[in-house]
Structures are given as structure tokens and as C-alpha cells.
Amino acid sequence: ALARAVYGETRLVVLDEPNASLDGDGERALVNCLTALKQRKV
């Protein structure tokens, strides 16, 4: 679902409790995703 949220030319991403069901690997992937979105000026 996170991949669906960041797909394409997205300029606004809204995440409601994005780590609610994530394990350690998933949380690290989420942090990396947020960092990449910040770099893309999303």
C-alpha cells in the first residue's frame, strides 16, 4: 500500500500510521522511503 501511495508523479503523500503493522525491516524501509521523498521535494 505504501508503494501504491508513492507511485508515479506523486507530489503530496499522506500516511496515516504507516508503521502500524511493520516489523524492524519494514520500519527501516519506511524511514528510507521518507528520506527519499524528502530529497524529491515531495
Full PDB file with SEQRES, HELIX, SHEET, SSBOND, CRYST1, ORIGX, SCALE, CONECT and MASTER records, all heavy atoms in Angstrom:
SEQRES   1 A   42  ALA LEU ALA ARG ALA VAL TYR GLY GLU THR ARG LEU VAL          
SEQRES   2 A   42  VAL LEU ASP GLU PRO ASN ALA SER LEU ASP GLY ASP GLY          
SEQRES   3 A   42  GLU ARG ALA LEU VAL ASN CYS LEU THR ALA LEU LYS GLN          
SEQRES   4 A   42  ARG LYS VAL                                                  
HELIX    1 AA1 LEU A    2  ALA A    5  1                                   4    
HELIX    2 AA2 GLY A   24  GLN A   39  1                                  16    
CRYST1    1.000    1.000    1.000  90.00  90.00  90.00 P 1           1          
ORIGX1      1.000000  0.000000  0.000000        0.00000                         
ORIGX2      0.000000  1.000000  0.000000        0.00000                         
ORIGX3      0.000000  0.000000  1.000000        0.00000                         
SCALE1      1.000000  0.000000  0.000000        0.00000                         
SCALE2      0.000000  1.000000  0.000000        0.00000                         
SCALE3      0.000000  0.000000  1.000000        0.00000                         
ATOM      1  N   ALA A   1       0.829  -1.208   0.000  1.00  0.00           N  
ATOM      2  CA  ALA A   1       0.000   0.000   0.000  1.00  0.00           C  
ATOM      3  C   ALA A   1       0.863   1.259   0.000  1.00  0.00           C  
ATOM      4  O   ALA A   1       0.501   2.276  -0.612  1.00  0.00           O  
ATOM      5  CB  ALA A   1      -0.932   0.000   1.210  1.00  0.00           C  
ATOM      6  N   LEU A   2       2.012   1.209   0.672  1.00  0.00           N  
ATOM      7  CA  LEU A   2       2.943   2.341   0.649  1.00  0.00           C  
ATOM      8  C   LEU A   2       3.496   2.540  -0.766  1.00  0.00           C  
ATOM      9  O   LEU A   2       3.624   3.682  -1.232  1.00  0.00           O  
ATOM     10  CB  LEU A   2       4.081   2.099   1.643  1.00  0.00           C  
ATOM     11  CG  LEU A   2       5.167   3.177   1.708  1.00  0.00           C  
ATOM     12  CD1 LEU A   2       4.564   4.526   2.106  1.00  0.00           C  
ATOM     13  CD2 LEU A   2       6.268   2.772   2.688  1.00  0.00           C  
ATOM     14  N   ALA A   3       3.796   1.442  -1.457  1.00  0.00           N  
ATOM     15  CA  ALA A   3       4.250   1.546  -2.848  1.00  0.00           C  
ATOM     16  C   ALA A   3       3.179   2.196  -3.713  1.00  0.00           C  
ATOM     17  O   ALA A   3       3.476   3.011  -4.594  1.00  0.00           O  
ATOM     18  CB  ALA A   3       4.615   0.162  -3.388  1.00  0.00           C  
ATOM     19  N   ARG A   4       1.931   1.835  -3.480  1.00  0.00           N  
ATOM     20  CA  ARG A   4       0.826   2.460  -4.219  1.00  0.00           C  
ATOM     21  C   ARG A   4       0.753   3.964  -3.927  1.00  0.00           C  
ATOM     22  O   ARG A   4       0.487   4.769  -4.814  1.00  0.00           O  
ATOM     23  CB  ARG A   4      -0.494   1.787  -3.837  1.00  0.00           C  
ATOM     24  CG  ARG A   4      -1.719   2.366  -4.512  1.00  0.00           C  
ATOM     25  CD  ARG A   4      -2.974   1.617  -4.104  1.00  0.00           C  
ATOM     26  NE  ARG A   4      -3.226   1.700  -2.667  1.00  0.00           N  
ATOM     27  CZ  ARG A   4      -4.168   1.018  -2.028  1.00  0.00           C  
ATOM     28  NH1 ARG A   4      -4.931   0.177  -2.704  1.00  0.00           N  
ATOM     29  NH2 ARG A   4      -4.339   1.141  -0.729  1.00  0.00           N  
ATOM     30  N   ALA A   5       1.006   4.342  -2.673  1.00  0.00           N  
ATOM     31  CA  ALA A   5       0.916   5.754  -2.280  1.00  0.00           C  
ATOM     32  C   ALA A   5       2.008   6.610  -2.916  1.00  0.00           C  
ATOM     33  O   ALA A   5       1.802   7.796  -3.162  1.00  0.00           O  
ATOM     34  CB  ALA A   5       0.971   5.871  -0.759  1.00  0.00           C  
ATOM     35  N   VAL A   6       3.182   6.023  -3.178  1.00  0.00           N  
ATOM     36  CA  VAL A   6       4.305   6.818  -3.706  1.00  0.00           C  
ATOM     37  C   VAL A   6       4.512   6.590  -5.203  1.00  0.00           C  
ATOM     38  O   VAL A   6       5.492   7.056  -5.772  1.00  0.00           O  
ATOM     39  CB  VAL A   6       5.611   6.490  -2.941  1.00  0.00           C  
ATOM     40  CG1 VAL A   6       5.447   6.798  -1.464  1.00  0.00           C  
ATOM     41  CG2 VAL A   6       6.029   5.026  -3.136  1.00  0.00           C  
ATOM     42  N   TYR A   7       3.582   5.883  -5.850  1.00  0.00           N  
ATOM     43  CA  TYR A   7       3.725   5.552  -7.266  1.00  0.00           C  
ATOM     44  C   TYR A   7       3.642   6.798  -8.149  1.00  0.00           C  
ATOM     45  O   TYR A   7       2.841   7.714  -7.916  1.00  0.00           O  
ATOM     46  CB  TYR A   7       2.630   4.554  -7.666  1.00  0.00           C  
ATOM     47  CG  TYR A   7       2.507   4.318  -9.145  1.00  0.00           C  
ATOM     48  CD1 TYR A   7       3.376   3.476  -9.811  1.00  0.00           C  
ATOM     49  CD2 TYR A   7       1.508   4.962  -9.891  1.00  0.00           C  
ATOM     50  CE1 TYR A   7       3.257   3.256 -11.176  1.00  0.00           C  
ATOM     51  CE2 TYR A   7       1.383   4.744 -11.251  1.00  0.00           C  
ATOM     52  CZ  TYR A   7       2.258   3.885 -11.888  1.00  0.00           C  
ATOM     53  OH  TYR A   7       2.140   3.683 -13.234  1.00  0.00           O  
ATOM     54  N   GLY A   8       4.442   6.838  -9.184  1.00  0.00           N  
ATOM     55  CA  GLY A   8       4.323   7.852 -10.228  1.00  0.00           C  
ATOM     56  C   GLY A   8       4.823   9.232  -9.828  1.00  0.00           C  
ATOM     57  O   GLY A   8       5.818   9.372  -9.120  1.00  0.00           O  
ATOM     58  N   GLU A   9       4.065  10.234 -10.265  1.00  0.00           N  
ATOM     59  CA  GLU A   9       4.477  11.623 -10.089  1.00  0.00           C  
ATOM     60  C   GLU A   9       3.850  12.256  -8.849  1.00  0.00           C  
ATOM     61  O   GLU A   9       3.533  13.447  -8.825  1.00  0.00           O  
ATOM     62  CB  GLU A   9       4.089  12.436 -11.326  1.00  0.00           C  
ATOM     63  CG  GLU A   9       4.666  11.896 -12.627  1.00  0.00           C  
ATOM     64  CD  GLU A   9       4.147  12.656 -13.830  1.00  0.00           C  
ATOM     65  OE1 GLU A   9       4.096  13.901 -13.751  1.00  0.00           O  
ATOM     66  OE2 GLU A   9       3.792  12.007 -14.828  1.00  0.00           O  
ATOM     67  N   THR A  10       3.656  11.479  -7.818  1.00  0.00           N  
ATOM     68  CA  THR A  10       3.006  11.962  -6.608  1.00  0.00           C  
ATOM     69  C   THR A  10       3.731  13.174  -6.031  1.00  0.00           C  
ATOM     70  O   THR A  10       4.946  13.162  -5.861  1.00  0.00           O  
ATOM     71  CB  THR A  10       2.961  10.839  -5.549  1.00  0.00           C  
ATOM     72  OG1 THR A  10       2.290   9.711  -6.110  1.00  0.00           O  
ATOM     73  CG2 THR A  10       2.212  11.295  -4.322  1.00  0.00           C  
ATOM     74  N   ARG A  11       2.954  14.224  -5.715  1.00  0.00           N  
ATOM     75  CA  ARG A  11       3.524  15.441  -5.123  1.00  0.00           C  
ATOM     76  C   ARG A  11       3.059  15.650  -3.688  1.00  0.00           C  
ATOM     77  O   ARG A  11       3.606  16.461  -2.968  1.00  0.00           O  
ATOM     78  CB  ARG A  11       3.128  16.672  -5.952  1.00  0.00           C  
ATOM     79  CG  ARG A  11       3.561  16.641  -7.402  1.00  0.00           C  
ATOM     80  CD  ARG A  11       5.041  16.350  -7.560  1.00  0.00           C  
ATOM     81  NE  ARG A  11       5.863  17.273  -6.784  1.00  0.00           N  
ATOM     82  CZ  ARG A  11       7.131  17.027  -6.450  1.00  0.00           C  
ATOM     83  NH1 ARG A  11       7.695  15.870  -6.777  1.00  0.00           N  
ATOM     84  NH2 ARG A  11       7.816  17.911  -5.764  1.00  0.00           N  
ATOM     85  N   LEU A  12       2.015  14.937  -3.284  1.00  0.00           N  
ATOM     86  CA  LEU A  12       1.528  15.001  -1.900  1.00  0.00           C  
ATOM     87  C   LEU A  12       1.259  13.585  -1.424  1.00  0.00           C  
ATOM     88  O   LEU A  12       0.492  12.852  -2.042  1.00  0.00           O  
ATOM     89  CB  LEU A  12       0.237  15.832  -1.815  1.00  0.00           C  
ATOM     90  CG  LEU A  12      -0.512  15.779  -0.476  1.00  0.00           C  
ATOM     91  CD1 LEU A  12       0.329  16.391   0.645  1.00  0.00           C  
ATOM     92  CD2 LEU A  12      -1.867  16.492  -0.588  1.00  0.00           C  
ATOM     93  N   VAL A  13       1.930  13.202  -0.326  1.00  0.00           N  
ATOM     94  CA  VAL A  13       1.748  11.864   0.239  1.00  0.00           C  
ATOM     95  C   VAL A  13       1.275  12.029   1.679  1.00  0.00           C  
ATOM     96  O   VAL A  13       1.915  12.729   2.475  1.00  0.00           O  
ATOM     97  CB  VAL A  13       3.057  11.051   0.204  1.00  0.00           C  
ATOM     98  CG1 VAL A  13       2.879   9.724   0.936  1.00  0.00           C  
ATOM     99  CG2 VAL A  13       3.485  10.804  -1.234  1.00  0.00           C  
ATOM    100  N   VAL A  14       0.146  11.379   1.998  1.00  0.00           N  
ATOM    101  CA  VAL A  14      -0.423  11.423   3.345  1.00  0.00           C  
ATOM    102  C   VAL A  14      -0.426   9.999   3.891  1.00  0.00           C  
ATOM    103  O   VAL A  14      -1.022   9.096   3.285  1.00  0.00           O  
ATOM    104  CB  VAL A  14      -1.850  12.006   3.334  1.00  0.00           C  
ATOM    105  CG1 VAL A  14      -2.424  12.022   4.743  1.00  0.00           C  
ATOM    106  CG2 VAL A  14      -1.836  13.418   2.756  1.00  0.00           C  
ATOM    107  N   LEU A  15       0.245   9.800   5.021  1.00  0.00           N  
ATOM    108  CA  LEU A  15       0.420   8.475   5.611  1.00  0.00           C  
ATOM    109  C   LEU A  15      -0.189   8.457   7.005  1.00  0.00           C  
ATOM    110  O   LEU A  15       0.236   9.212   7.877  1.00  0.00           O  
ATOM    111  CB  LEU A  15       1.914   8.118   5.690  1.00  0.00           C  
ATOM    112  CG  LEU A  15       2.727   8.289   4.394  1.00  0.00           C  
ATOM    113  CD1 LEU A  15       4.211   8.057   4.669  1.00  0.00           C  
ATOM    114  CD2 LEU A  15       2.220   7.338   3.319  1.00  0.00           C  
ATOM    115  N   ASP A  16      -1.186   7.619   7.194  1.00  0.00           N  
ATOM    116  CA  ASP A  16      -1.854   7.508   8.495  1.00  0.00           C  
ATOM    117  C   ASP A  16      -1.371   6.243   9.196  1.00  0.00           C  
ATOM    118  O   ASP A  16      -1.727   5.133   8.806  1.00  0.00           O  
ATOM    119  CB  ASP A  16      -3.369   7.462   8.293  1.00  0.00           C  
ATOM    120  CG  ASP A  16      -4.141   7.643   9.599  1.00  0.00           C  
ATOM    121  OD1 ASP A  16      -3.504   7.687  10.665  1.00  0.00           O  
ATOM    122  OD2 ASP A  16      -5.384   7.748   9.532  1.00  0.00           O  
ATOM    123  N   GLU A  17      -0.533   6.420  10.226  1.00  0.00           N  
ATOM    124  CA  GLU A  17       0.083   5.302  10.956  1.00  0.00           C  
ATOM    125  C   GLU A  17       0.775   4.345   9.987  1.00  0.00           C  
ATOM    126  O   GLU A  17       0.428   3.151   9.901  1.00  0.00           O  
ATOM    127  CB  GLU A  17      -0.977   4.550  11.772  1.00  0.00           C  
ATOM    128  CG  GLU A  17      -1.622   5.363  12.875  1.00  0.00           C  
ATOM    129  CD  GLU A  17      -0.703   5.561  14.079  1.00  0.00           C  
ATOM    130  OE1 GLU A  17       0.439   5.061  14.050  1.00  0.00           O  
ATOM    131  OE2 GLU A  17      -1.125   6.220  15.029  1.00  0.00           O  
ATOM    132  N   PRO A  18       1.753   4.816   9.229  1.00  0.00           N  
ATOM    133  CA  PRO A  18       2.359   3.976   8.188  1.00  0.00           C  
ATOM    134  C   PRO A  18       3.163   2.804   8.734  1.00  0.00           C  
ATOM    135  O   PRO A  18       3.466   1.880   7.980  1.00  0.00           O  
ATOM    136  CB  PRO A  18       3.267   4.956   7.437  1.00  0.00           C  
ATOM    137  CG  PRO A  18       3.608   5.999   8.438  1.00  0.00           C  
ATOM    138  CD  PRO A  18       2.381   6.156   9.286  1.00  0.00           C  
ATOM    139  N   ASN A  19       3.501   2.818  10.013  1.00  0.00           N  
ATOM    140  CA  ASN A  19       4.302   1.733  10.581  1.00  0.00           C  
ATOM    141  C   ASN A  19       3.497   0.862  11.528  1.00  0.00           C  
ATOM    142  O   ASN A  19       4.068   0.111  12.323  1.00  0.00           O  
ATOM    143  CB  ASN A  19       5.523   2.315  11.328  1.00  0.00           C  
ATOM    144  CG  ASN A  19       5.081   3.232  12.471  1.00  0.00           C  
ATOM    145  OD1 ASN A  19       4.012   3.817  12.415  1.00  0.00           O  
ATOM    146  ND2 ASN A  19       5.905   3.338  13.504  1.00  0.00           N  
ATOM    147  N   ALA A  20       2.160   0.932  11.438  1.00  0.00           N  
ATOM    148  CA  ALA A  20       1.317   0.226  12.409  1.00  0.00           C  
ATOM    149  C   ALA A  20       1.548  -1.279  12.397  1.00  0.00           C  
ATOM    150  O   ALA A  20       1.505  -1.930  13.444  1.00  0.00           O  
ATOM    151  CB  ALA A  20      -0.153   0.536  12.122  1.00  0.00           C  
ATOM    152  N   SER A  21       1.804  -1.869  11.227  1.00  0.00           N  
ATOM    153  CA  SER A  21       1.937  -3.336  11.136  1.00  0.00           C  
ATOM    154  C   SER A  21       3.330  -3.771  10.699  1.00  0.00           C  
ATOM    155  O   SER A  21       3.524  -4.933  10.327  1.00  0.00           O  
ATOM    156  CB  SER A  21       0.897  -3.881  10.143  1.00  0.00           C  
ATOM    157  OG  SER A  21      -0.416  -3.515  10.506  1.00  0.00           O  
ATOM    158  N   LEU A  22       4.306  -2.854  10.723  1.00  0.00           N  
ATOM    159  CA  LEU A  22       5.623  -3.157  10.182  1.00  0.00           C  
ATOM    160  C   LEU A  22       6.551  -3.759  11.233  1.00  0.00           C  
ATOM    161  O   LEU A  22       6.506  -3.385  12.406  1.00  0.00           O  
ATOM    162  CB  LEU A  22       6.267  -1.881   9.613  1.00  0.00           C  
ATOM    163  CG  LEU A  22       5.528  -1.203   8.458  1.00  0.00           C  
ATOM    164  CD1 LEU A  22       6.290   0.030   8.005  1.00  0.00           C  
ATOM    165  CD2 LEU A  22       5.345  -2.173   7.298  1.00  0.00           C  
ATOM    166  N   ASP A  23       7.399  -4.695  10.779  1.00  0.00           N  
ATOM    167  CA  ASP A  23       8.459  -5.227  11.635  1.00  0.00           C  
ATOM    168  C   ASP A  23       9.685  -4.324  11.496  1.00  0.00           C  
ATOM    169  O   ASP A  23       9.628  -3.244  10.907  1.00  0.00           O  
ATOM    170  CB  ASP A  23       8.779  -6.674  11.254  1.00  0.00           C  
ATOM    171  CG  ASP A  23       9.149  -6.820   9.774  1.00  0.00           C  
ATOM    172  OD1 ASP A  23       9.424  -5.787   9.116  1.00  0.00           O  
ATOM    173  OD2 ASP A  23       9.181  -7.957   9.278  1.00  0.00           O  
ATOM    174  N   GLY A  24      10.811  -4.786  12.048  1.00  0.00           N  
ATOM    175  CA  GLY A  24      12.030  -3.974  12.005  1.00  0.00           C  
ATOM    176  C   GLY A  24      12.474  -3.648  10.598  1.00  0.00           C  
ATOM    177  O   GLY A  24      12.804  -2.487  10.289  1.00  0.00           O  
ATOM    178  N   ASP A  25      12.467  -4.651   9.707  1.00  0.00           N  
ATOM    179  CA  ASP A  25      12.872  -4.401   8.322  1.00  0.00           C  
ATOM    180  C   ASP A  25      11.908  -3.437   7.643  1.00  0.00           C  
ATOM    181  O   ASP A  25      12.329  -2.554   6.880  1.00  0.00           O  
ATOM    182  CB  ASP A  25      12.916  -5.720   7.534  1.00  0.00           C  
ATOM    183  CG  ASP A  25      14.071  -6.610   7.990  1.00  0.00           C  
ATOM    184  OD1 ASP A  25      15.027  -6.065   8.581  1.00  0.00           O  
ATOM    185  OD2 ASP A  25      14.000  -7.832   7.756  1.00  0.00           O  
ATOM    186  N   GLY A  26      10.623  -3.601   7.924  1.00  0.00           N  
ATOM    187  CA  GLY A  26       9.638  -2.725   7.331  1.00  0.00           C  
ATOM    188  C   GLY A  26       9.794  -1.289   7.798  1.00  0.00           C  
ATOM    189  O   GLY A  26       9.643  -0.349   7.015  1.00  0.00           O  
ATOM    190  N   GLU A  27      10.113  -1.091   9.077  1.00  0.00           N  
ATOM    191  CA  GLU A  27      10.297   0.270   9.593  1.00  0.00           C  
ATOM    192  C   GLU A  27      11.537   0.918   8.982  1.00  0.00           C  
ATOM    193  O   GLU A  27      11.522   2.116   8.678  1.00  0.00           O  
ATOM    194  CB  GLU A  27      10.380   0.251  11.118  1.00  0.00           C  
ATOM    195  CG  GLU A  27       9.067  -0.094  11.800  1.00  0.00           C  
ATOM    196  CD  GLU A  27       9.005   0.435  13.218  1.00  0.00           C  
ATOM    197  OE1 GLU A  27       9.951   1.138  13.644  1.00  0.00           O  
ATOM    198  OE2 GLU A  27       8.011   0.155  13.901  1.00  0.00           O  
ATOM    199  N   ARG A  28      12.582   0.135   8.800  1.00  0.00           N  
ATOM    200  CA  ARG A  28      13.781   0.692   8.154  1.00  0.00           C  
ATOM    201  C   ARG A  28      13.477   1.083   6.707  1.00  0.00           C  
ATOM    202  O   ARG A  28      13.926   2.134   6.228  1.00  0.00           O  
ATOM    203  CB  ARG A  28      14.923  -0.336   8.208  1.00  0.00           C  
ATOM    204  CG  ARG A  28      15.607  -0.419   9.577  1.00  0.00           C  
ATOM    205  CD  ARG A  28      16.853  -1.262   9.509  1.00  0.00           C  
ATOM    206  NE  ARG A  28      16.540  -2.677   9.333  1.00  0.00           N  
ATOM    207  CZ  ARG A  28      16.268  -3.511  10.330  1.00  0.00           C  
ATOM    208  NH1 ARG A  28      16.271  -3.054  11.586  1.00  0.00           N  
ATOM    209  NH2 ARG A  28      15.995  -4.776  10.108  1.00  0.00           N  
ATOM    210  N   ALA A  29      12.683   0.255   6.019  1.00  0.00           N  
ATOM    211  CA  ALA A  29      12.290   0.591   4.649  1.00  0.00           C  
ATOM    212  C   ALA A  29      11.438   1.853   4.624  1.00  0.00           C  
ATOM    213  O   ALA A  29      11.568   2.694   3.723  1.00  0.00           O  
ATOM    214  CB  ALA A  29      11.523  -0.579   4.023  1.00  0.00           C  
ATOM    215  N   LEU A  30      10.574   2.023   5.632  1.00  0.00           N  
ATOM    216  CA  LEU A  30       9.742   3.219   5.723  1.00  0.00           C  
ATOM    217  C   LEU A  30      10.599   4.463   5.926  1.00  0.00           C  
ATOM    218  O   LEU A  30      10.369   5.504   5.285  1.00  0.00           O  
ATOM    219  CB  LEU A  30       8.723   3.065   6.854  1.00  0.00           C  
ATOM    220  CG  LEU A  30       7.852   4.290   7.156  1.00  0.00           C  
ATOM    221  CD1 LEU A  30       7.012   4.682   5.946  1.00  0.00           C  
ATOM    222  CD2 LEU A  30       6.956   4.021   8.370  1.00  0.00           C  
ATOM    223  N   VAL A  31      11.566   4.370   6.813  1.00  0.00           N  
ATOM    224  CA  VAL A  31      12.463   5.509   7.056  1.00  0.00           C  
ATOM    225  C   VAL A  31      13.206   5.875   5.776  1.00  0.00           C  
ATOM    226  O   VAL A  31      13.335   7.064   5.427  1.00  0.00           O  
ATOM    227  CB  VAL A  31      13.443   5.184   8.192  1.00  0.00           C  
ATOM    228  CG1 VAL A  31      14.540   6.256   8.288  1.00  0.00           C  
ATOM    229  CG2 VAL A  31      12.711   5.057   9.519  1.00  0.00           C  
ATOM    230  N   ASN A  32      13.703   4.876   5.056  1.00  0.00           N  
ATOM    231  CA  ASN A  32      14.405   5.140   3.792  1.00  0.00           C  
ATOM    232  C   ASN A  32      13.471   5.795   2.778  1.00  0.00           C  
ATOM    233  O   ASN A  32      13.870   6.696   2.026  1.00  0.00           O  
ATOM    234  CB  ASN A  32      14.968   3.840   3.218  1.00  0.00           C  
ATOM    235  CG  ASN A  32      16.082   3.267   4.083  1.00  0.00           C  
ATOM    236  OD1 ASN A  32      16.759   4.003   4.818  1.00  0.00           O  
ATOM    237  ND2 ASN A  32      16.278   1.953   4.006  1.00  0.00           N  
ATOM    238  N   CYS A  33      12.202   5.343   2.756  1.00  0.00           N  
ATOM    239  CA  CYS A  33      11.220   5.903   1.831  1.00  0.00           C  
ATOM    240  C   CYS A  33      10.957   7.376   2.161  1.00  0.00           C  
ATOM    241  O   CYS A  33      10.933   8.231   1.264  1.00  0.00           O  
ATOM    242  CB  CYS A  33       9.921   5.100   1.900  1.00  0.00           C  
ATOM    243  SG  CYS A  33       8.616   5.699   0.815  1.00  0.00           S  
ATOM    244  N   LEU A  34      10.780   7.683   3.445  1.00  0.00           N  
ATOM    245  CA  LEU A  34      10.531   9.072   3.850  1.00  0.00           C  
ATOM    246  C   LEU A  34      11.723   9.965   3.511  1.00  0.00           C  
ATOM    247  O   LEU A  34      11.544  11.109   3.074  1.00  0.00           O  
ATOM    248  CB  LEU A  34      10.228   9.127   5.348  1.00  0.00           C  
ATOM    249  CG  LEU A  34       8.912   8.462   5.790  1.00  0.00           C  
ATOM    250  CD1 LEU A  34       8.803   8.452   7.308  1.00  0.00           C  
ATOM    251  CD2 LEU A  34       7.716   9.169   5.172  1.00  0.00           C  
ATOM    252  N   THR A  35      12.912   9.434   3.692  1.00  0.00           N  
ATOM    253  CA  THR A  35      14.114  10.204   3.353  1.00  0.00           C  
ATOM    254  C   THR A  35      14.176  10.489   1.859  1.00  0.00           C  
ATOM    255  O   THR A  35      14.497  11.606   1.432  1.00  0.00           O  
ATOM    256  CB  THR A  35      15.367   9.431   3.806  1.00  0.00           C  
ATOM    257  OG1 THR A  35      15.289   9.178   5.214  1.00  0.00           O  
ATOM    258  CG2 THR A  35      16.629  10.228   3.517  1.00  0.00           C  
ATOM    259  N   ALA A  36      13.858   9.469   1.048  1.00  0.00           N  
ATOM    260  CA  ALA A  36      13.883   9.645  -0.406  1.00  0.00           C  
ATOM    261  C   ALA A  36      12.819  10.641  -0.864  1.00  0.00           C  
ATOM    262  O   ALA A  36      13.062  11.466  -1.748  1.00  0.00           O  
ATOM    263  CB  ALA A  36      13.679   8.300  -1.096  1.00  0.00           C  
ATOM    264  N   LEU A  37      11.631  10.589  -0.253  1.00  0.00           N  
ATOM    265  CA  LEU A  37      10.575  11.532  -0.611  1.00  0.00           C  
ATOM    266  C   LEU A  37      10.987  12.968  -0.276  1.00  0.00           C  
ATOM    267  O   LEU A  37      10.693  13.898  -1.027  1.00  0.00           O  
ATOM    268  CB  LEU A  37       9.267  11.171   0.115  1.00  0.00           C  
ATOM    269  CG  LEU A  37       8.572   9.872  -0.323  1.00  0.00           C  
ATOM    270  CD1 LEU A  37       7.380   9.577   0.584  1.00  0.00           C  
ATOM    271  CD2 LEU A  37       8.109   9.953  -1.778  1.00  0.00           C  
ATOM    272  N   LYS A  38      11.678  13.125   0.836  1.00  0.00           N  
ATOM    273  CA  LYS A  38      12.144  14.452   1.217  1.00  0.00           C  
ATOM    274  C   LYS A  38      13.144  14.988   0.197  1.00  0.00           C  
ATOM    275  O   LYS A  38      13.117  16.171  -0.178  1.00  0.00           O  
ATOM    276  CB  LYS A  38      12.765  14.395   2.616  1.00  0.00           C  
ATOM    277  CG  LYS A  38      13.127  15.757   3.206  1.00  0.00           C  
ATOM    278  CD  LYS A  38      13.630  15.594   4.626  1.00  0.00           C  
ATOM    279  CE  LYS A  38      13.905  16.961   5.255  1.00  0.00           C  
ATOM    280  NZ  LYS A  38      12.680  17.758   5.405  1.00  0.00           N  
ATOM    281  N   GLN A  39      14.028  14.103  -0.258  1.00  0.00           N  
ATOM    282  CA  GLN A  39      15.017  14.512  -1.258  1.00  0.00           C  
ATOM    283  C   GLN A  39      14.355  14.894  -2.577  1.00  0.00           C  
ATOM    284  O   GLN A  39      14.857  15.749  -3.319  1.00  0.00           O  
ATOM    285  CB  GLN A  39      16.022  13.381  -1.480  1.00  0.00           C  
ATOM    286  CG  GLN A  39      16.918  13.117  -0.269  1.00  0.00           C  
ATOM    287  CD  GLN A  39      17.766  11.856  -0.435  1.00  0.00           C  
ATOM    288  OE1 GLN A  39      17.570  11.090  -1.371  1.00  0.00           O  
ATOM    289  NE2 GLN A  39      18.720  11.662   0.486  1.00  0.00           N  
ATOM    290  N   ARG A  40      13.204  14.275  -2.874  1.00  0.00           N  
ATOM    291  CA  ARG A  40      12.480  14.572  -4.115  1.00  0.00           C  
ATOM    292  C   ARG A  40      11.561  15.787  -3.982  1.00  0.00           C  
ATOM    293  O   ARG A  40      10.822  16.098  -4.906  1.00  0.00           O  
ATOM    294  CB  ARG A  40      11.647  13.351  -4.531  1.00  0.00           C  
ATOM    295  CG  ARG A  40      12.470  12.118  -4.849  1.00  0.00           C  
ATOM    296  CD  ARG A  40      11.557  10.991  -5.297  1.00  0.00           C  
ATOM    297  NE  ARG A  40      12.310   9.781  -5.592  1.00  0.00           N  
ATOM    298  CZ  ARG A  40      11.789   8.685  -6.143  1.00  0.00           C  
ATOM    299  NH1 ARG A  40      10.486   8.662  -6.458  1.00  0.00           N  
ATOM    300  NH2 ARG A  40      12.525   7.624  -6.379  1.00  0.00           N  
ATOM    301  N   LYS A  41      11.575  16.424  -2.814  1.00  0.00           N  
ATOM    302  CA  LYS A  41      10.738  17.598  -2.565  1.00  0.00           C  
ATOM    303  C   LYS A  41       9.252  17.264  -2.624  1.00  0.00           C  
ATOM    304  O   LYS A  41       8.428  18.081  -3.062  1.00  0.00           O  
ATOM    305  CB  LYS A  41      11.049  18.724  -3.560  1.00  0.00           C  
ATOM    306  CG  LYS A  41      12.500  19.184  -3.550  1.00  0.00           C  
ATOM    307  CD  LYS A  41      12.891  19.773  -2.202  1.00  0.00           C  
ATOM    308  CE  LYS A  41      14.328  20.289  -2.220  1.00  0.00           C  
ATOM    309  NZ  LYS A  41      14.745  20.830  -0.892  1.00  0.00           N  
ATOM    310  N   VAL A  42       8.900  16.039  -2.192  1.00  0.00           N  
ATOM    311  CA  VAL A  42       7.500  15.642  -2.107  1.00  0.00           C  
ATOM    312  C   VAL A  42       6.963  16.065  -0.739  1.00  0.00           C  
ATOM    313  O   VAL A  42       7.608  15.840   0.285  1.00  0.00           O  
ATOM    314  CB  VAL A  42       7.350  14.118  -2.293  1.00  0.00           C  
ATOM    315  CG1 VAL A  42       5.895  13.695  -2.071  1.00  0.00           C  
ATOM    316  CG2 VAL A  42       7.820  13.699  -3.673  1.00  0.00           C  
TER     317      VAL A  42                                                      
MASTER        0    0    0    2    0    0    0    6  316    1    0    4          
END                                                                             
